[in-house]
């Protein structure tokens, strides 16, 4: 199991696939599967049976996971995509933007 460079709450841009160019916030990350759910992207229609939570049932639109390799982190400073690096700063391991050299 490898360390992922994208975490929940990050703003990312989809760089490959049907939803290329879409930006959104990461809602959930599945570390074991190397996938993440991005808010408002990769929407799929899911048939749901009636339940206590949803008494009507029917077809529900929801986000499906995307592979991490298809996501690029957006640098908060420039608003452009950046690669992520890890290094030790002040005795702590931190993620930093390779474009602006800023701690994320």
PDB file of N, CA and C in Angstrom:
ATOM      1  N   UNK A   1       0.857  -1.187   0.000  1.00  0.00           N
ATOM      2  CA  UNK A   1       0.000   0.000   0.000  1.00  0.00           C
ATOM      3  C   UNK A   1       0.894   1.238   0.000  1.00  0.00           C
ATOM      4  N   UNK A   2       0.716   2.103  -0.998  1.00  0.00           N
ATOM      5  CA  UNK A   2       1.561   3.285  -1.131  1.00  0.00           C
ATOM      6  C   UNK A   2       0.894   4.524  -0.550  1.00  0.00           C
ATOM      7  N   UNK A   3       1.686   5.546  -0.296  1.00  0.00           N
ATOM      8  CA  UNK A   3       1.190   6.817   0.230  1.00  0.00           C
ATOM      9  C   UNK A   3       0.630   7.611  -0.935  1.00  0.00           C
ATOM     10  N   UNK A   4      -0.612   8.096  -0.790  1.00  0.00           N
ATOM     11  CA  UNK A   4      -1.230   8.870  -1.855  1.00  0.00           C
ATOM     12  C   UNK A   4      -0.920  10.346  -1.685  1.00  0.00           C
ATOM     13  N   UNK A   5      -0.855  11.053  -2.801  1.00  0.00           N
ATOM     14  CA  UNK A   5      -0.522  12.473  -2.766  1.00  0.00           C
ATOM     15  C   UNK A   5      -1.763  13.350  -2.747  1.00  0.00           C
ATOM     16  N   UNK A   6      -2.936  12.729  -2.831  1.00  0.00           N
ATOM     17  CA  UNK A   6      -4.203  13.471  -2.797  1.00  0.00           C
ATOM     18  C   UNK A   6      -4.965  13.055  -1.556  1.00  0.00           C
ATOM     19  N   UNK A   7      -5.503  14.054  -0.829  1.00  0.00           N
ATOM     20  CA  UNK A   7      -6.242  13.783   0.403  1.00  0.00           C
ATOM     21  C   UNK A   7      -7.648  14.364   0.308  1.00  0.00           C
ATOM     22  N   UNK A   8      -8.519  13.938   1.232  1.00  0.00           N
ATOM     23  CA  UNK A   8      -9.872  14.463   1.311  1.00  0.00           C
ATOM     24  C   UNK A   8      -9.809  15.966   1.557  1.00  0.00           C
ATOM     25  N   UNK A   9     -10.613  16.734   0.802  1.00  0.00           N
ATOM     26  CA  UNK A   9     -10.644  18.189   0.977  1.00  0.00           C
ATOM     27  C   UNK A   9      -9.797  18.936  -0.032  1.00  0.00           C
ATOM     28  N   UNK A  10      -8.909  18.244  -0.752  1.00  0.00           N
ATOM     29  CA  UNK A  10      -8.082  18.898  -1.768  1.00  0.00           C
ATOM     30  C   UNK A  10      -8.938  19.302  -2.964  1.00  0.00           C
ATOM     31  N   UNK A  11      -8.531  20.369  -3.639  1.00  0.00           N
ATOM     32  CA  UNK A  11      -9.174  20.762  -4.894  1.00  0.00           C
ATOM     33  C   UNK A  11      -8.346  20.171  -6.026  1.00  0.00           C
ATOM     34  N   UNK A  12      -9.002  19.425  -6.911  1.00  0.00           N
ATOM     35  CA  UNK A  12      -8.290  18.735  -7.989  1.00  0.00           C
ATOM     36  C   UNK A  12      -8.935  19.026  -9.343  1.00  0.00           C
ATOM     37  N   UNK A  13      -8.158  18.775 -10.406  1.00  0.00           N
ATOM     38  CA  UNK A  13      -8.653  18.860 -11.779  1.00  0.00           C
ATOM     39  C   UNK A  13      -8.496  17.480 -12.392  1.00  0.00           C
ATOM     40  N   UNK A  14      -9.512  17.039 -13.130  1.00  0.00           N
ATOM     41  CA  UNK A  14      -9.446  15.744 -13.803  1.00  0.00           C
ATOM     42  C   UNK A  14      -8.663  15.951 -15.102  1.00  0.00           C
ATOM     43  N   UNK A  15      -7.603  15.156 -15.289  1.00  0.00           N
ATOM     44  CA  UNK A  15      -6.700  15.383 -16.420  1.00  0.00           C
ATOM     45  C   UNK A  15      -6.845  14.340 -17.526  1.00  0.00           C
ATOM     46  N   UNK A  16      -7.716  13.335 -17.321  1.00  0.00           N
ATOM     47  CA  UNK A  16      -7.892  12.300 -18.341  1.00  0.00           C
ATOM     48  C   UNK A  16      -9.289  11.704 -18.235  1.00  0.00           C
ATOM     49  N   UNK A  17      -9.785  11.197 -19.342  1.00  0.00           N
ATOM     50  CA  UNK A  17     -11.074  10.511 -19.345  1.00  0.00           C
ATOM     51  C   UNK A  17     -12.215  11.398 -19.817  1.00  0.00           C
ATOM     52  N   UNK A  18     -13.443  10.897 -19.640  1.00  0.00           N
ATOM     53  CA  UNK A  18     -14.640  11.582 -20.126  1.00  0.00           C
ATOM     54  C   UNK A  18     -14.864  12.932 -19.453  1.00  0.00           C
ATOM     55  N   UNK A  19     -14.398  13.091 -18.226  1.00  0.00           N
ATOM     56  CA  UNK A  19     -14.660  14.310 -17.463  1.00  0.00           C
ATOM     57  C   UNK A  19     -13.434  15.202 -17.385  1.00  0.00           C
ATOM     58  N   UNK A  20     -12.561  15.111 -18.393  1.00  0.00           N
ATOM     59  CA  UNK A  20     -11.318  15.886 -18.432  1.00  0.00           C
ATOM     60  C   UNK A  20     -11.606  17.382 -18.331  1.00  0.00           C
ATOM     61  N   UNK A  21     -10.863  18.064 -17.455  1.00  0.00           N
ATOM     62  CA  UNK A  21     -11.010  19.507 -17.296  1.00  0.00           C
ATOM     63  C   UNK A  21     -11.916  19.921 -16.152  1.00  0.00           C
ATOM     64  N   UNK A  22     -12.694  18.986 -15.605  1.00  0.00           N
ATOM     65  CA  UNK A  22     -13.615  19.302 -14.514  1.00  0.00           C
ATOM     66  C   UNK A  22     -12.823  19.474 -13.217  1.00  0.00           C
ATOM     67  N   UNK A  23     -13.158  20.524 -12.463  1.00  0.00           N
ATOM     68  CA  UNK A  23     -12.500  20.761 -11.178  1.00  0.00           C
ATOM     69  C   UNK A  23     -13.495  20.530 -10.060  1.00  0.00           C
ATOM     70  N   UNK A  24     -13.003  20.058  -8.931  1.00  0.00           N
ATOM     71  CA  UNK A  24     -13.879  19.827  -7.789  1.00  0.00           C
ATOM     72  C   UNK A  24     -13.095  19.455  -6.557  1.00  0.00           C
ATOM     73  N   UNK A  25     -13.825  19.328  -5.464  1.00  0.00           N
ATOM     74  CA  UNK A  25     -13.223  19.003  -4.177  1.00  0.00           C
ATOM     75  C   UNK A  25     -13.283  17.487  -3.968  1.00  0.00           C
ATOM     76  N   UNK A  26     -12.237  16.918  -3.408  1.00  0.00           N
ATOM     77  CA  UNK A  26     -12.203  15.481  -3.129  1.00  0.00           C
ATOM     78  C   UNK A  26     -13.057  15.214  -1.895  1.00  0.00           C
ATOM     79  N   UNK A  27     -14.089  14.372  -2.057  1.00  0.00           N
ATOM     80  CA  UNK A  27     -14.999  14.068  -0.961  1.00  0.00           C
ATOM     81  C   UNK A  27     -14.539  12.863  -0.155  1.00  0.00           C
ATOM     82  N   UNK A  28     -13.985  11.856  -0.843  1.00  0.00           N
ATOM     83  CA  UNK A  28     -13.560  10.635  -0.164  1.00  0.00           C
ATOM     84  C   UNK A  28     -12.434   9.998  -0.966  1.00  0.00           C
ATOM     85  N   UNK A  29     -11.477   9.404  -0.259  1.00  0.00           N
ATOM     86  CA  UNK A  29     -10.360   8.719  -0.908  1.00  0.00           C
ATOM     87  C   UNK A  29     -10.360   7.255  -0.468  1.00  0.00           C
ATOM     88  N   UNK A  30     -10.245   6.339  -1.434  1.00  0.00           N
ATOM     89  CA  UNK A  30     -10.158   4.910  -1.160  1.00  0.00           C
ATOM     90  C   UNK A  30      -8.705   4.500  -1.380  1.00  0.00           C
ATOM     91  N   UNK A  31      -7.924   4.442  -0.295  1.00  0.00           N
ATOM     92  CA  UNK A  31      -6.484   4.210  -0.382  1.00  0.00           C
ATOM     93  C   UNK A  31      -6.167   2.843  -0.982  1.00  0.00           C
ATOM     94  N   UNK A  32      -6.911   1.806  -0.568  1.00  0.00           N
ATOM     95  CA  UNK A  32      -6.639   0.443  -1.040  1.00  0.00           C
ATOM     96  C   UNK A  32      -6.854   0.318  -2.548  1.00  0.00           C
ATOM     97  N   UNK A  33      -7.831   1.044  -3.081  1.00  0.00           N
ATOM     98  CA  UNK A  33      -8.179   0.943  -4.498  1.00  0.00           C
ATOM     99  C   UNK A  33      -7.529   2.027  -5.350  1.00  0.00           C
ATOM    100  N   UNK A  34      -6.797   2.979  -4.719  1.00  0.00           N
ATOM    101  CA  UNK A  34      -6.193   4.130  -5.422  1.00  0.00           C
ATOM    102  C   UNK A  34      -7.247   4.934  -6.178  1.00  0.00           C
ATOM    103  N   UNK A  35      -8.405   5.139  -5.550  1.00  0.00           N
ATOM    104  CA  UNK A  35      -9.484   5.891  -6.188  1.00  0.00           C
ATOM    105  C   UNK A  35      -9.971   7.002  -5.272  1.00  0.00           C
ATOM    106  N   UNK A  36     -10.629   8.000  -5.877  1.00  0.00           N
ATOM    107  CA  UNK A  36     -11.176   9.112  -5.108  1.00  0.00           C
ATOM    108  C   UNK A  36     -12.490   9.559  -5.730  1.00  0.00           C
ATOM    109  N   UNK A  37     -13.391  10.094  -4.890  1.00  0.00           N
ATOM    110  CA  UNK A  37     -14.650  10.648  -5.374  1.00  0.00           C
ATOM    111  C   UNK A  37     -14.514  12.165  -5.394  1.00  0.00           C
ATOM    112  N   UNK A  38     -14.768  12.762  -6.565  1.00  0.00           N
ATOM    113  CA  UNK A  38     -14.675  14.209  -6.739  1.00  0.00           C
ATOM    114  C   UNK A  38     -16.080  14.785  -6.836  1.00  0.00           C
ATOM    115  N   UNK A  39     -16.341  15.832  -6.086  1.00  0.00           N
ATOM    116  CA  UNK A  39     -17.654  16.467  -6.011  1.00  0.00           C
ATOM    117  C   UNK A  39     -18.094  16.964  -7.389  1.00  0.00           C
ATOM    118  N   UNK A  40     -19.250  16.514  -7.861  1.00  0.00           N
ATOM    119  CA  UNK A  40     -19.830  16.988  -9.118  1.00  0.00           C
ATOM    120  C   UNK A  40     -19.230  16.391 -10.376  1.00  0.00           C
ATOM    121  N   UNK A  41     -18.333  15.424 -10.245  1.00  0.00           N
ATOM    122  CA  UNK A  41     -17.704  14.826 -11.419  1.00  0.00           C
ATOM    123  C   UNK A  41     -18.002  13.334 -11.485  1.00  0.00           C
ATOM    124  N   UNK A  42     -17.986  12.772 -12.693  1.00  0.00           N
ATOM    125  CA  UNK A  42     -18.209  11.341 -12.922  1.00  0.00           C
ATOM    126  C   UNK A  42     -19.546  10.884 -12.339  1.00  0.00           C
ATOM    127  N   UNK A  43     -20.611  11.619 -12.657  1.00  0.00           N
ATOM    128  CA  UNK A  43     -21.947  11.297 -12.156  1.00  0.00           C
ATOM    129  C   UNK A  43     -22.488  10.064 -12.878  1.00  0.00           C
ATOM    130  N   UNK A  44     -23.066   9.142 -12.093  1.00  0.00           N
ATOM    131  CA  UNK A  44     -23.679   7.943 -12.654  1.00  0.00           C
ATOM    132  C   UNK A  44     -25.109   7.830 -12.134  1.00  0.00           C
ATOM    133  N   UNK A  45     -25.973   7.149 -12.894  1.00  0.00           N
ATOM    134  CA  UNK A  45     -27.345   6.914 -12.460  1.00  0.00           C
ATOM    135  C   UNK A  45     -27.397   5.568 -11.754  1.00  0.00           C
ATOM    136  N   UNK A  46     -27.942   5.553 -10.557  1.00  0.00           N
ATOM    137  CA  UNK A  46     -28.014   4.325  -9.778  1.00  0.00           C
ATOM    138  C   UNK A  46     -29.478   4.049  -9.441  1.00  0.00           C
ATOM    139  N   UNK A  47     -29.926   2.831  -9.696  1.00  0.00           N
ATOM    140  CA  UNK A  47     -31.290   2.436  -9.357  1.00  0.00           C
ATOM    141  C   UNK A  47     -31.325   2.063  -7.877  1.00  0.00           C
ATOM    142  N   UNK A  48     -32.228   2.693  -7.117  1.00  0.00           N
ATOM    143  CA  UNK A  48     -32.324   2.390  -5.692  1.00  0.00           C
ATOM    144  C   UNK A  48     -33.704   1.866  -5.349  1.00  0.00           C
ATOM    145  N   UNK A  49     -33.716   0.817  -4.537  1.00  0.00           N
ATOM    146  CA  UNK A  49     -34.979   0.265  -4.055  1.00  0.00           C
ATOM    147  C   UNK A  49     -35.544   1.196  -2.993  1.00  0.00           C
ATOM    148  N   UNK A  50     -36.864   1.203  -2.824  1.00  0.00           N
ATOM    149  CA  UNK A  50     -37.444   2.003  -1.743  1.00  0.00           C
ATOM    150  C   UNK A  50     -36.913   1.537  -0.380  1.00  0.00           C
ATOM    151  N   UNK A  51     -36.593   2.512   0.479  1.00  0.00           N
ATOM    152  CA  UNK A  51     -36.088   2.195   1.816  1.00  0.00           C
ATOM    153  C   UNK A  51     -36.631   3.249   2.786  1.00  0.00           C
ATOM    154  N   UNK A  52     -36.294   3.117   4.047  1.00  0.00           N
ATOM    155  CA  UNK A  52     -36.734   4.095   5.047  1.00  0.00           C
ATOM    156  C   UNK A  52     -36.142   5.474   4.739  1.00  0.00           C
ATOM    157  N   UNK A  53     -34.887   5.472   4.259  1.00  0.00           N
ATOM    158  CA  UNK A  53     -34.209   6.732   3.936  1.00  0.00           C
ATOM    159  C   UNK A  53     -34.798   7.347   2.665  1.00  0.00           C
ATOM    160  N   UNK A  54     -35.100   6.518   1.691  1.00  0.00           N
ATOM    161  CA  UNK A  54     -35.633   6.973   0.409  1.00  0.00           C
ATOM    162  C   UNK A  54     -36.899   6.166   0.111  1.00  0.00           C
ATOM    163  N   UNK A  55     -38.074   6.570   0.652  1.00  0.00           N
ATOM    164  CA  UNK A  55     -39.294   5.753   0.502  1.00  0.00           C
ATOM    165  C   UNK A  55     -39.781   5.625  -0.941  1.00  0.00           C
ATOM    166  N   UNK A  56     -39.457   6.595  -1.784  1.00  0.00           N
ATOM    167  CA  UNK A  56     -39.905   6.572  -3.176  1.00  0.00           C
ATOM    168  C   UNK A  56     -39.072   5.602  -4.016  1.00  0.00           C
ATOM    169  N   UNK A  57     -37.754   5.513  -3.718  1.00  0.00           N
ATOM    170  CA  UNK A  57     -36.883   4.698  -4.561  1.00  0.00           C
ATOM    171  C   UNK A  57     -36.618   5.424  -5.866  1.00  0.00           C
ATOM    172  N   UNK A  58     -36.282   4.705  -6.931  1.00  0.00           N
ATOM    173  CA  UNK A  58     -36.095   5.303  -8.241  1.00  0.00           C
ATOM    174  C   UNK A  58     -34.636   5.448  -8.626  1.00  0.00           C
ATOM    175  N   UNK A  59     -34.402   6.307  -9.615  1.00  0.00           N
ATOM    176  CA  UNK A  59     -33.057   6.495 -10.158  1.00  0.00           C
ATOM    177  C   UNK A  59     -32.423   7.703  -9.472  1.00  0.00           C
ATOM    178  N   UNK A  60     -31.229   7.482  -8.920  1.00  0.00           N
ATOM    179  CA  UNK A  60     -30.522   8.532  -8.182  1.00  0.00           C
ATOM    180  C   UNK A  60     -29.196   8.812  -8.874  1.00  0.00           C
ATOM    181  N   UNK A  61     -28.862  10.093  -9.047  1.00  0.00           N
ATOM    182  CA  UNK A  61     -27.570  10.487  -9.620  1.00  0.00           C
ATOM    183  C   UNK A  61     -26.568  10.628  -8.480  1.00  0.00           C
ATOM    184  N   UNK A  62     -25.390   9.990  -8.626  1.00  0.00           N
ATOM    185  CA  UNK A  62     -24.364  10.131  -7.606  1.00  0.00           C
ATOM    186  C   UNK A  62     -22.982  10.041  -8.229  1.00  0.00           C
ATOM    187  N   UNK A  63     -21.964  10.515  -7.480  1.00  0.00           N
ATOM    188  CA  UNK A  63     -20.594  10.497  -7.978  1.00  0.00           C
ATOM    189  C   UNK A  63     -19.999   9.100  -7.868  1.00  0.00           C
ATOM    190  N   UNK A  64     -19.240   8.714  -8.878  1.00  0.00           N
ATOM    191  CA  UNK A  64     -18.542   7.431  -8.856  1.00  0.00           C
ATOM    192  C   UNK A  64     -17.045   7.706  -8.688  1.00  0.00           C
ATOM    193  N   UNK A  65     -16.295   6.756  -8.127  1.00  0.00           N
ATOM    194  CA  UNK A  65     -14.859   6.979  -7.913  1.00  0.00           C
ATOM    195  C   UNK A  65     -14.079   7.089  -9.221  1.00  0.00           C
ATOM    196  N   UNK A  66     -13.009   7.872  -9.189  1.00  0.00           N
ATOM    197  CA  UNK A  66     -12.066   8.031 -10.301  1.00  0.00           C
ATOM    198  C   UNK A  66     -10.698   7.564  -9.828  1.00  0.00           C
ATOM    199  N   UNK A  67      -9.875   7.075 -10.760  1.00  0.00           N
ATOM    200  CA  UNK A  67      -8.527   6.652 -10.365  1.00  0.00           C
ATOM    201  C   UNK A  67      -7.666   7.875 -10.050  1.00  0.00           C
ATOM    202  N   UNK A  68      -6.816   7.741  -9.042  1.00  0.00           N
ATOM    203  CA  UNK A  68      -5.962   8.842  -8.580  1.00  0.00           C
ATOM    204  C   UNK A  68      -5.058   9.358  -9.701  1.00  0.00           C
ATOM    205  N   UNK A  69      -4.627   8.478 -10.595  1.00  0.00           N
ATOM    206  CA  UNK A  69      -3.725   8.889 -11.677  1.00  0.00           C
ATOM    207  C   UNK A  69      -4.390   9.866 -12.645  1.00  0.00           C
ATOM    208  N   UNK A  70      -5.718   9.938 -12.637  1.00  0.00           N
ATOM    209  CA  UNK A  70      -6.439  10.853 -13.516  1.00  0.00           C
ATOM    210  C   UNK A  70      -6.719  12.196 -12.855  1.00  0.00           C
ATOM    211  N   UNK A  71      -6.182  12.420 -11.655  1.00  0.00           N
ATOM    212  CA  UNK A  71      -6.413  13.653 -10.914  1.00  0.00           C
ATOM    213  C   UNK A  71      -5.107  14.409 -10.717  1.00  0.00           C
ATOM    214  N   UNK A  72      -5.179  15.749 -10.804  1.00  0.00           N
ATOM    215  CA  UNK A  72      -4.015  16.592 -10.537  1.00  0.00           C
ATOM    216  C   UNK A  72      -4.418  17.640  -9.516  1.00  0.00           C
ATOM    217  N   UNK A  73      -3.595  17.823  -8.511  1.00  0.00           N
ATOM    218  CA  UNK A  73      -3.861  18.796  -7.455  1.00  0.00           C
ATOM    219  C   UNK A  73      -3.753  20.211  -8.023  1.00  0.00           C
ATOM    220  N   UNK A  74      -4.643  21.106  -7.572  1.00  0.00           N
ATOM    221  CA  UNK A  74      -4.599  22.500  -8.009  1.00  0.00           C
ATOM    222  C   UNK A  74      -3.886  23.317  -6.943  1.00  0.00           C
ATOM    223  N   UNK A  75      -2.871  24.075  -7.382  1.00  0.00           N
ATOM    224  CA  UNK A  75      -2.086  24.929  -6.483  1.00  0.00           C
ATOM    225  C   UNK A  75      -2.950  26.112  -6.054  1.00  0.00           C
ATOM    226  N   UNK A  76      -3.050  26.337  -4.742  1.00  0.00           N
ATOM    227  CA  UNK A  76      -3.913  27.408  -4.228  1.00  0.00           C
ATOM    228  C   UNK A  76      -3.388  28.792  -4.611  1.00  0.00           C
ATOM    229  N   UNK A  77      -2.089  28.909  -4.832  1.00  0.00           N
ATOM    230  CA  UNK A  77      -1.485  30.210  -5.152  1.00  0.00           C
ATOM    231  C   UNK A  77      -1.768  30.623  -6.603  1.00  0.00           C
ATOM    232  N   UNK A  78      -1.391  29.737  -7.559  1.00  0.00           N
ATOM    233  CA  UNK A  78      -1.500  30.085  -8.980  1.00  0.00           C
ATOM    234  C   UNK A  78      -2.807  29.625  -9.610  1.00  0.00           C
ATOM    235  N   UNK A  79      -3.503  28.663  -8.982  1.00  0.00           N
ATOM    236  CA  UNK A  79      -4.737  28.141  -9.559  1.00  0.00           C
ATOM    237  C   UNK A  79      -4.482  27.157 -10.688  1.00  0.00           C
ATOM    238  N   UNK A  80      -3.230  26.747 -10.859  1.00  0.00           N
ATOM    239  CA  UNK A  80      -2.865  25.807 -11.913  1.00  0.00           C
ATOM    240  C   UNK A  80      -2.530  24.451 -11.285  1.00  0.00           C
ATOM    241  N   UNK A  81      -2.488  23.400 -12.106  1.00  0.00           N
ATOM    242  CA  UNK A  81      -2.183  22.078 -11.570  1.00  0.00           C
ATOM    243  C   UNK A  81      -0.715  22.004 -11.180  1.00  0.00           C
ATOM    244  N   UNK A  82      -0.438  21.176 -10.187  1.00  0.00           N
ATOM    245  CA  UNK A  82       0.926  21.012  -9.714  1.00  0.00           C
ATOM    246  C   UNK A  82       1.157  19.568  -9.301  1.00  0.00           C
ATOM    247  N   UNK A  83       2.418  19.162  -9.284  1.00  0.00           N
ATOM    248  CA  UNK A  83       2.770  17.854  -8.749  1.00  0.00           C
ATOM    249  C   UNK A  83       3.062  18.030  -7.265  1.00  0.00           C
ATOM    250  N   UNK A  84       2.991  16.928  -6.529  1.00  0.00           N
ATOM    251  CA  UNK A  84       3.142  16.977  -5.078  1.00  0.00           C
ATOM    252  C   UNK A  84       4.413  16.262  -4.671  1.00  0.00           C
ATOM    253  N   UNK A  85       5.151  16.875  -3.733  1.00  0.00           N
ATOM    254  CA  UNK A  85       6.349  16.251  -3.193  1.00  0.00           C
ATOM    255  C   UNK A  85       6.228  16.151  -1.686  1.00  0.00           C
ATOM    256  N   UNK A  86       7.039  15.273  -1.094  1.00  0.00           N
ATOM    257  CA  UNK A  86       7.096  15.142   0.361  1.00  0.00           C
ATOM    258  C   UNK A  86       8.501  15.503   0.801  1.00  0.00           C
ATOM    259  N   UNK A  87       8.631  16.233   1.906  1.00  0.00           N
ATOM    260  CA  UNK A  87       9.938  16.489   2.492  1.00  0.00           C
ATOM    261  C   UNK A  87       9.787  16.798   3.977  1.00  0.00           C
ATOM    262  N   UNK A  88      10.908  16.768   4.676  1.00  0.00           N
ATOM    263  CA  UNK A  88      10.916  17.065   6.105  1.00  0.00           C
ATOM    264  C   UNK A  88      11.203  18.553   6.275  1.00  0.00           C
ATOM    265  N   UNK A  89      10.257  19.275   6.900  1.00  0.00           N
ATOM    266  CA  UNK A  89      10.451  20.696   7.211  1.00  0.00           C
ATOM    267  C   UNK A  89      10.146  20.891   8.686  1.00  0.00           C
ATOM    268  N   UNK A  90      11.081  21.474   9.413  1.00  0.00           N
ATOM    269  CA  UNK A  90      10.955  21.699  10.856  1.00  0.00           C
ATOM    270  C   UNK A  90      10.619  20.403  11.605  1.00  0.00           C
ATOM    271  N   UNK A  91      11.225  19.304  11.183  1.00  0.00           N
ATOM    272  CA  UNK A  91      11.028  18.035  11.868  1.00  0.00           C
ATOM    273  C   UNK A  91       9.721  17.337  11.562  1.00  0.00           C
ATOM    274  N   UNK A  92       8.930  17.861  10.612  1.00  0.00           N
ATOM    275  CA  UNK A  92       7.659  17.225  10.239  1.00  0.00           C
ATOM    276  C   UNK A  92       7.668  16.906   8.754  1.00  0.00           C
ATOM    277  N   UNK A  93       7.077  15.770   8.403  1.00  0.00           N
ATOM    278  CA  UNK A  93       6.942  15.407   6.996  1.00  0.00           C
ATOM    279  C   UNK A  93       5.741  16.168   6.437  1.00  0.00           C
ATOM    280  N   UNK A  94       5.951  16.936   5.373  1.00  0.00           N
ATOM    281  CA  UNK A  94       4.878  17.762   4.804  1.00  0.00           C
ATOM    282  C   UNK A  94       4.763  17.530   3.300  1.00  0.00           C
ATOM    283  N   UNK A  95       3.564  17.794   2.784  1.00  0.00           N
ATOM    284  CA  UNK A  95       3.346  17.793   1.329  1.00  0.00           C
ATOM    285  C   UNK A  95       3.625  19.208   0.839  1.00  0.00           C
ATOM    286  N   UNK A  96       4.273  19.322  -0.330  1.00  0.00           N
ATOM    287  CA  UNK A  96       4.497  20.655  -0.881  1.00  0.00           C
ATOM    288  C   UNK A  96       4.270  20.650  -2.386  1.00  0.00           C
ATOM    289  N   UNK A  97       3.916  21.830  -2.908  1.00  0.00           N
ATOM    290  CA  UNK A  97       3.672  22.000  -4.330  1.00  0.00           C
ATOM    291  C   UNK A  97       5.016  22.136  -5.039  1.00  0.00           C
ATOM    292  N   UNK A  98       5.246  21.334  -6.066  1.00  0.00           N
ATOM    293  CA  UNK A  98       6.519  21.393  -6.784  1.00  0.00           C
ATOM    294  C   UNK A  98       6.604  22.642  -7.656  1.00  0.00           C
ATOM    295  N   UNK A  99       5.465  23.270  -7.983  1.00  0.00           N
ATOM    296  CA  UNK A  99       5.484  24.479  -8.802  1.00  0.00           C
ATOM    297  C   UNK A  99       5.863  25.705  -7.971  1.00  0.00           C
ATOM    298  N   UNK A 100       5.188  25.891  -6.823  1.00  0.00           N
ATOM    299  CA  UNK A 100       5.416  27.103  -6.025  1.00  0.00           C
ATOM    300  C   UNK A 100       6.287  26.850  -4.789  1.00  0.00           C
ATOM    301  N   UNK A 101       6.632  25.573  -4.538  1.00  0.00           N
ATOM    302  CA  UNK A 101       7.445  25.182  -3.380  1.00  0.00           C
ATOM    303  C   UNK A 101       6.773  25.544  -2.051  1.00  0.00           C
ATOM    304  N   UNK A 102       5.436  25.707  -2.061  1.00  0.00           N
ATOM    305  CA  UNK A 102       4.666  26.051  -0.856  1.00  0.00           C
ATOM    306  C   UNK A 102       4.158  24.785  -0.190  1.00  0.00           C
ATOM    307  N   UNK A 103       4.064  24.801   1.131  1.00  0.00           N
ATOM    308  CA  UNK A 103       3.492  23.674   1.871  1.00  0.00           C
ATOM    309  C   UNK A 103       1.985  23.658   1.624  1.00  0.00           C
ATOM    310  N   UNK A 104       1.461  22.454   1.376  1.00  0.00           N
ATOM    311  CA  UNK A 104       0.022  22.326   1.098  1.00  0.00           C
ATOM    312  C   UNK A 104      -0.710  22.119   2.406  1.00  0.00           C
TER     313      UNK A 104
END
